Structure formats: structure tokens, C-alpha cells
N, C-alpha and C. Protein backbone atom coordinates (compact mmCIF):
# COMPACT_ATOMS: atom_id res chain seq x y z
N MET A 1 7.19 9.37 -1.14
CA MET A 1 7.63 9.71 0.23
C MET A 1 6.93 10.97 0.84
N LYS A 2 6.43 10.90 2.12
CA LYS A 2 5.83 11.62 3.04
C LYS A 2 6.87 12.30 3.85
N LYS A 3 6.97 13.85 3.57
CA LYS A 3 8.01 14.59 4.03
C LYS A 3 8.01 14.20 5.81
N ASN A 4 7.44 13.63 6.34
CA ASN A 4 7.12 13.32 7.79
C ASN A 4 7.86 12.40 8.12
N GLU A 5 8.53 11.28 7.24
CA GLU A 5 8.72 9.92 7.30
C GLU A 5 10.50 10.08 7.61
N THR A 6 10.90 8.89 8.04
CA THR A 6 12.25 8.72 9.21
C THR A 6 13.17 8.51 7.36
N VAL A 7 14.32 9.30 7.51
CA VAL A 7 15.38 9.02 6.79
C VAL A 7 16.90 8.98 7.66
N VAL A 8 17.16 8.06 7.26
CA VAL A 8 19.04 7.45 8.05
C VAL A 8 19.95 8.33 7.45
N ILE A 9 20.78 8.71 7.75
CA ILE A 9 21.96 9.01 6.82
C ILE A 9 23.28 8.36 7.59
N LEU A 10 23.76 7.52 7.00
CA LEU A 10 24.47 6.67 7.56
C LEU A 10 25.96 7.25 6.67
N GLY A 11 26.74 7.74 7.78
CA GLY A 11 28.06 8.44 7.76
C GLY A 11 27.67 9.81 7.47
N ALA A 12 26.92 10.30 8.22
CA ALA A 12 26.65 11.56 8.93
C ALA A 12 28.06 12.55 8.85
N SER A 13 27.71 13.90 8.70
CA SER A 13 28.83 14.27 9.24
C SER A 13 28.35 16.02 9.34
N ASP A 14 29.44 16.59 10.28
CA ASP A 14 28.97 17.85 11.20
C ASP A 14 29.79 18.76 10.12
N LYS A 15 30.57 18.45 9.16
CA LYS A 15 31.25 19.19 8.33
C LYS A 15 30.89 19.85 6.89
N PRO A 16 30.04 21.17 7.03
CA PRO A 16 29.17 22.11 6.19
C PRO A 16 29.68 21.48 4.46
N ASP A 17 30.84 21.41 4.54
CA ASP A 17 31.41 21.13 2.90
C ASP A 17 31.30 19.67 2.74
N ARG A 18 30.66 19.12 3.51
CA ARG A 18 30.20 17.45 3.27
C ARG A 18 28.96 17.07 2.54
N TYR A 19 29.00 16.03 1.61
CA TYR A 19 27.50 16.20 0.87
C TYR A 19 26.68 15.42 2.05
N ALA A 20 27.55 14.85 2.83
CA ALA A 20 26.32 14.28 3.89
C ALA A 20 25.98 15.34 4.62
N TYR A 21 26.58 16.27 4.91
CA TYR A 21 25.96 17.52 5.77
C TYR A 21 24.70 18.23 4.70
N LEU A 22 25.28 18.14 3.30
CA LEU A 22 24.22 18.73 2.99
C LEU A 22 22.71 18.28 2.77
N ALA A 23 23.00 16.99 2.48
CA ALA A 23 22.08 15.88 2.49
C ALA A 23 20.99 16.15 3.37
N PHE A 24 21.52 16.25 4.64
CA PHE A 24 21.24 16.16 6.23
C PHE A 24 20.40 17.67 6.28
N GLU A 25 20.80 18.55 5.81
CA GLU A 25 20.15 20.05 5.94
C GLU A 25 19.09 19.93 4.90
N GLY A 26 19.54 19.31 3.59
CA GLY A 26 18.38 19.80 2.64
C GLY A 26 17.04 18.62 3.48
N LEU A 27 17.21 17.53 3.65
CA LEU A 27 16.20 16.90 4.04
C LEU A 27 15.36 17.36 5.22
N LYS A 28 15.89 17.85 5.99
CA LYS A 28 15.45 18.56 7.41
C LYS A 28 14.58 19.70 6.80
N ASN A 29 15.27 20.26 5.89
CA ASN A 29 14.45 21.90 5.61
C ASN A 29 13.32 21.40 4.71
N ARG A 30 13.01 20.59 4.00
CA ARG A 30 11.92 19.90 3.17
C ARG A 30 11.02 19.05 4.19
N GLY A 31 11.74 19.15 5.55
CA GLY A 31 10.44 18.52 6.63
C GLY A 31 10.47 16.93 7.17
N TYR A 32 11.63 16.59 6.43
CA TYR A 32 11.82 14.99 6.70
C TYR A 32 12.47 15.00 8.25
N ARG A 33 12.17 13.47 8.65
CA ARG A 33 12.40 13.43 10.16
C ARG A 33 13.67 12.72 9.93
N VAL A 34 14.96 13.24 10.01
CA VAL A 34 16.08 13.21 9.94
C VAL A 34 16.81 11.88 11.22
N LEU A 35 17.48 10.97 10.61
CA LEU A 35 18.40 10.12 12.07
C LEU A 35 20.01 10.07 11.05
N PRO A 36 20.57 10.92 11.76
CA PRO A 36 22.49 10.72 11.40
C PRO A 36 22.68 9.80 12.49
N VAL A 37 23.35 9.13 11.55
CA VAL A 37 24.53 7.80 11.96
C VAL A 37 25.83 8.09 11.81
N HIS A 38 26.82 8.16 12.60
CA HIS A 38 28.05 8.30 12.89
C HIS A 38 28.75 7.78 14.18
N PRO A 39 29.52 7.09 13.96
CA PRO A 39 30.37 6.55 15.52
C PRO A 39 30.99 7.30 16.77
N THR A 40 31.30 8.36 16.44
CA THR A 40 31.63 9.43 17.32
C THR A 40 30.95 10.70 17.24
N LEU A 41 30.23 11.10 16.24
CA LEU A 41 30.13 12.59 16.51
C LEU A 41 28.32 12.54 17.54
N LYS A 42 28.22 13.23 18.33
CA LYS A 42 27.05 13.24 19.23
C LYS A 42 26.17 13.80 18.58
N MET A 43 26.40 15.07 18.41
CA MET A 43 25.28 16.01 17.52
C MET A 43 25.63 16.58 16.34
N ILE A 44 24.51 16.85 15.61
CA ILE A 44 24.73 17.76 14.43
C ILE A 44 23.80 18.88 14.69
N GLY A 45 24.13 20.25 14.98
CA GLY A 45 23.24 21.32 15.47
C GLY A 45 22.75 20.61 16.58
N ASP A 46 21.38 20.95 16.39
CA ASP A 46 20.36 20.38 17.65
C ASP A 46 20.35 18.68 17.89
N THR A 47 20.78 18.25 16.49
CA THR A 47 19.80 17.19 16.25
C THR A 47 21.06 15.96 16.74
N PRO A 48 20.40 14.95 17.60
CA PRO A 48 21.32 13.69 18.30
C PRO A 48 21.64 12.75 16.93
N VAL A 49 22.96 12.46 17.39
CA VAL A 49 23.53 11.35 16.04
C VAL A 49 23.97 10.16 16.70
N PHE A 50 23.12 9.33 16.21
CA PHE A 50 23.26 7.86 16.51
C PHE A 50 24.64 7.12 16.02
N ALA A 51 25.28 6.45 17.01
CA ALA A 51 26.34 5.72 17.24
C ALA A 51 26.35 4.49 16.07
N SER A 52 25.20 3.91 16.26
CA SER A 52 25.11 3.07 15.14
C SER A 52 23.59 2.96 14.91
N LEU A 53 23.76 2.10 13.56
CA LEU A 53 22.03 1.34 13.20
C LEU A 53 21.37 0.71 14.70
N THR A 54 22.25 -0.36 15.03
CA THR A 54 21.63 -1.16 16.07
C THR A 54 20.83 -0.12 17.10
N ASP A 55 21.18 1.09 17.18
CA ASP A 55 20.55 2.10 18.40
C ASP A 55 19.16 2.62 17.96
N ILE A 56 18.93 2.43 16.27
CA ILE A 56 17.71 3.05 15.98
C ILE A 56 16.42 1.57 16.39
N LYS A 57 15.47 2.39 17.01
CA LYS A 57 14.62 1.47 17.27
C LYS A 57 13.03 1.59 16.53
N GLU A 58 13.03 2.43 15.48
CA GLU A 58 11.77 3.02 14.97
C GLU A 58 11.99 2.54 13.58
N THR A 59 10.34 2.89 12.84
CA THR A 59 10.62 2.60 11.24
C THR A 59 11.19 3.50 10.53
N VAL A 60 12.19 2.88 9.26
CA VAL A 60 12.78 3.79 8.68
C VAL A 60 12.14 3.82 7.48
N HIS A 61 12.05 4.78 6.59
CA HIS A 61 11.62 4.77 5.28
C HIS A 61 12.90 4.80 4.42
N THR A 62 13.83 5.33 4.63
CA THR A 62 14.58 5.33 3.43
C THR A 62 16.29 5.64 4.47
N ILE A 63 17.25 4.79 3.84
CA ILE A 63 18.54 4.58 4.44
C ILE A 63 19.27 5.60 3.15
N THR A 64 20.26 6.85 3.21
CA THR A 64 20.80 7.06 2.41
C THR A 64 22.25 6.98 3.07
N LEU A 65 23.51 6.46 1.94
CA LEU A 65 24.55 5.96 2.54
C LEU A 65 25.49 7.12 2.03
N TYR A 66 26.54 7.03 2.80
CA TYR A 66 27.57 7.78 2.50
C TYR A 66 28.67 7.35 3.28
N ILE A 67 28.88 6.31 2.76
CA ILE A 67 30.07 5.20 3.72
C ILE A 67 30.35 4.69 2.52
N GLY A 68 31.83 3.85 2.20
CA GLY A 68 32.31 3.23 1.32
C GLY A 68 31.96 1.75 1.08
N PRO A 69 31.53 0.95 0.32
CA PRO A 69 31.44 0.04 0.24
C PRO A 69 32.12 -1.01 0.93
N GLU A 70 33.23 -1.00 1.47
CA GLU A 70 33.92 -1.61 2.49
C GLU A 70 33.03 -1.79 3.76
N ARG A 71 32.65 -0.60 4.11
CA ARG A 71 31.84 -0.49 5.47
C ARG A 71 30.56 -0.77 5.51
N SER A 72 29.96 -0.69 4.03
CA SER A 72 28.42 -1.22 4.29
C SER A 72 28.65 -2.53 4.58
N SER A 73 29.19 -3.16 3.77
CA SER A 73 29.54 -4.48 3.40
C SER A 73 29.71 -5.04 5.13
N ALA A 74 30.38 -4.66 5.55
CA ALA A 74 30.87 -5.06 6.74
C ALA A 74 29.52 -5.04 8.35
N ILE A 75 28.59 -4.00 7.44
CA ILE A 75 27.28 -3.79 8.64
C ILE A 75 26.73 -4.09 7.83
N SER A 76 26.05 -5.05 6.93
CA SER A 76 25.01 -5.25 5.66
C SER A 76 23.94 -5.81 6.66
N LYS A 77 24.40 -6.42 7.71
CA LYS A 77 23.33 -7.14 8.31
C LYS A 77 22.35 -6.29 9.35
N GLU A 78 22.87 -5.14 9.69
CA GLU A 78 22.51 -3.94 10.54
C GLU A 78 21.62 -3.27 9.50
N ILE A 79 22.19 -2.75 8.20
CA ILE A 79 21.28 -2.08 7.22
C ILE A 79 20.26 -2.75 6.79
N LEU A 80 20.25 -3.99 6.44
CA LEU A 80 18.89 -4.74 6.01
C LEU A 80 18.09 -4.91 7.20
N GLY A 81 18.74 -5.24 8.51
CA GLY A 81 18.14 -5.29 9.40
C GLY A 81 16.98 -4.39 9.68
N LEU A 82 17.13 -2.82 9.30
CA LEU A 82 16.26 -2.03 9.83
C LEU A 82 14.96 -1.85 9.04
N SER A 83 14.92 -2.86 8.03
CA SER A 83 14.15 -3.20 6.77
C SER A 83 13.25 -1.55 6.24
N PRO A 84 14.02 -0.74 5.75
CA PRO A 84 14.12 0.50 5.10
C PRO A 84 12.80 0.08 3.84
N LYS A 85 11.92 0.71 3.59
CA LYS A 85 11.59 1.03 2.22
C LYS A 85 12.77 0.80 0.89
N ARG A 86 13.78 1.99 1.22
CA ARG A 86 14.59 2.11 0.11
C ARG A 86 15.70 2.39 0.64
N ILE A 87 16.80 2.07 0.05
CA ILE A 87 18.41 2.25 0.44
C ILE A 87 19.01 3.29 -0.79
N ILE A 88 19.36 4.09 -0.69
CA ILE A 88 19.98 5.07 -1.79
C ILE A 88 21.59 5.21 -1.43
N PHE A 89 22.42 4.57 -2.50
CA PHE A 89 23.37 4.30 -2.77
C PHE A 89 24.40 5.61 -3.04
N ASN A 90 24.87 6.55 -3.17
CA ASN A 90 25.27 7.84 -3.04
C ASN A 90 26.84 7.57 -3.82
N PRO A 91 27.17 8.61 -4.90
CA PRO A 91 28.35 8.42 -5.40
C PRO A 91 29.55 7.83 -4.80
N GLY A 92 30.16 6.86 -4.88
CA GLY A 92 31.02 6.66 -3.59
C GLY A 92 30.68 5.56 -2.78
N ALA A 93 29.60 5.25 -2.73
CA ALA A 93 29.07 4.33 -1.80
C ALA A 93 28.12 3.23 -2.50
N GLU A 94 28.58 3.12 -3.73
CA GLU A 94 27.92 1.79 -4.36
C GLU A 94 28.16 0.55 -3.67
N ASN A 95 27.47 -0.39 -3.99
CA ASN A 95 27.83 -1.75 -3.21
C ASN A 95 26.96 -2.76 -4.16
N LYS A 96 27.23 -3.20 -5.38
CA LYS A 96 26.36 -4.08 -5.88
C LYS A 96 25.98 -5.23 -4.91
N ALA A 97 26.97 -5.78 -4.21
CA ALA A 97 26.02 -6.94 -3.76
C ALA A 97 25.01 -6.97 -2.53
N LEU A 98 25.25 -5.69 -1.95
CA LEU A 98 24.74 -5.36 -0.59
C LEU A 98 23.12 -4.73 -1.84
N LEU A 99 23.19 -4.39 -2.82
CA LEU A 99 21.84 -3.58 -3.34
C LEU A 99 21.22 -4.90 -4.22
N ILE A 100 22.04 -5.91 -4.25
CA ILE A 100 20.97 -6.79 -4.62
C ILE A 100 20.85 -7.61 -3.48
N ALA A 101 21.35 -7.93 -2.45
CA ALA A 101 20.90 -8.39 -1.39
C ALA A 101 19.37 -7.95 -0.80
N ALA A 102 19.54 -6.35 -1.01
CA ALA A 102 18.39 -5.75 -0.69
C ALA A 102 17.34 -6.12 -1.48
N GLN A 103 17.42 -5.77 -2.83
CA GLN A 103 16.43 -6.38 -3.70
C GLN A 103 16.02 -7.71 -3.40
N LYS A 104 16.81 -8.62 -3.02
CA LYS A 104 16.01 -9.62 -2.98
C LYS A 104 15.03 -9.97 -1.73
N VAL A 105 15.04 -8.88 -0.96
CA VAL A 105 14.45 -9.35 0.23
C VAL A 105 13.36 -7.77 -0.06
N GLY A 106 12.86 -7.79 -1.01
CA GLY A 106 11.79 -6.55 -1.20
C GLY A 106 12.20 -5.05 -1.04
N ILE A 107 13.45 -4.60 -0.61
CA ILE A 107 13.87 -3.54 -0.43
C ILE A 107 14.42 -2.48 -1.69
N GLU A 108 13.51 -1.52 -2.24
CA GLU A 108 13.86 -0.33 -3.16
C GLU A 108 15.43 -0.22 -3.17
N ALA A 109 16.27 -0.50 -4.24
CA ALA A 109 17.77 0.30 -3.79
C ALA A 109 17.89 0.56 -5.01
N LEU A 110 18.65 1.77 -5.12
CA LEU A 110 19.27 2.44 -6.27
C LEU A 110 20.60 2.97 -6.27
N ASP A 111 21.31 3.27 -7.15
CA ASP A 111 22.64 4.02 -7.21
C ASP A 111 22.09 5.53 -7.50
N ALA A 112 21.97 6.43 -6.87
CA ALA A 112 21.69 7.45 -6.81
C ALA A 112 22.00 8.61 -6.02
N CYS A 113 21.65 10.12 -6.43
CA CYS A 113 22.36 10.86 -5.41
C CYS A 113 21.02 11.67 -4.80
N THR A 114 21.35 11.69 -3.37
CA THR A 114 20.59 12.06 -2.56
C THR A 114 20.26 13.73 -2.80
N LEU A 115 20.92 14.58 -2.81
CA LEU A 115 21.27 15.64 -3.26
C LEU A 115 20.62 16.33 -4.82
N VAL A 116 20.61 15.83 -5.95
CA VAL A 116 19.98 15.62 -6.82
C VAL A 116 18.85 15.22 -6.84
N MET A 117 18.49 14.26 -5.98
CA MET A 117 16.69 13.90 -6.24
C MET A 117 16.18 14.99 -5.47
N LEU A 118 16.78 15.31 -4.28
CA LEU A 118 16.07 16.35 -3.75
C LEU A 118 15.74 17.70 -4.52
N THR A 119 16.72 18.09 -5.20
CA THR A 119 16.94 19.13 -5.96
C THR A 119 15.72 19.06 -7.37
N ILE A 120 15.44 17.79 -7.82
CA ILE A 120 14.60 17.67 -8.54
C ILE A 120 13.35 16.89 -8.40
N ASN A 121 13.05 16.66 -6.85
CA ASN A 121 12.05 16.66 -6.52
C ASN A 121 11.56 15.35 -6.79
N THR A 122 12.46 14.24 -6.73
CA THR A 122 11.94 12.80 -6.99
C THR A 122 12.32 12.11 -5.69
N PHE A 123 12.86 12.81 -4.56
CA PHE A 123 13.45 12.07 -3.28
C PHE A 123 12.16 11.45 -2.73
């Protein structure tokens, strides 16, 4: 993945002790364009937060999920509708039905950890 490509963090957080926040910081610090998504946050630092996936109107390379399977199932059409090249289901966000649906339409989908992937340079 090229570092200037767009990564969506679904379930973003502005709390420094949350994994979604650590992923946000890690991705930004490595030069990725990060689009955080959270229904009530407006900003994370100096980065605007999208209220929903439907607000994103640009090409997305990766969506990294930090929401539970009930929430991701409820918005699966929006997730798949962005047509990302890849979806990462972080620990606790695993959703087998959505993973299979993504793979059926040609999206790389994997149960993995964004933080680990960044640490070992496999993101």
C-alpha cells in the first residue's frame, strides 16, 4: 500500500488509550491519509471526523474496523458500497458474514490487527 492512500477508521476515537486512536496516530505518523468515522465526534486533533461512511466521497484503499459485528452488520451495505481494496477486522470486530460478503465482491478481507501490521511493516 502506498502511504498516501486513504484509510478509513470506522469506530474512530479521540481517547489516547483506545486502539482506534493508536491506529489513527500510527497511520497519520506513517504518512497515510486517514479519514476517521464516528457518529458524534467532530474532530480528532486537527482532523475532521465523518459522521458516517455515506459522507465519504473519495476512493478508499482500506477500511479498518473498530466496531462490533452487530454494528458492522447493520451498515454492511455502506461498508461494501465504498468499494475499498481491503477491510481489516481488528480484534473484537470480527464479522464472518461481512468478511465473506466482501471477499465475494473482490475485496481483500482479513481478521488482523492494524497496530501489529503497522509495527511489523505489513500494513
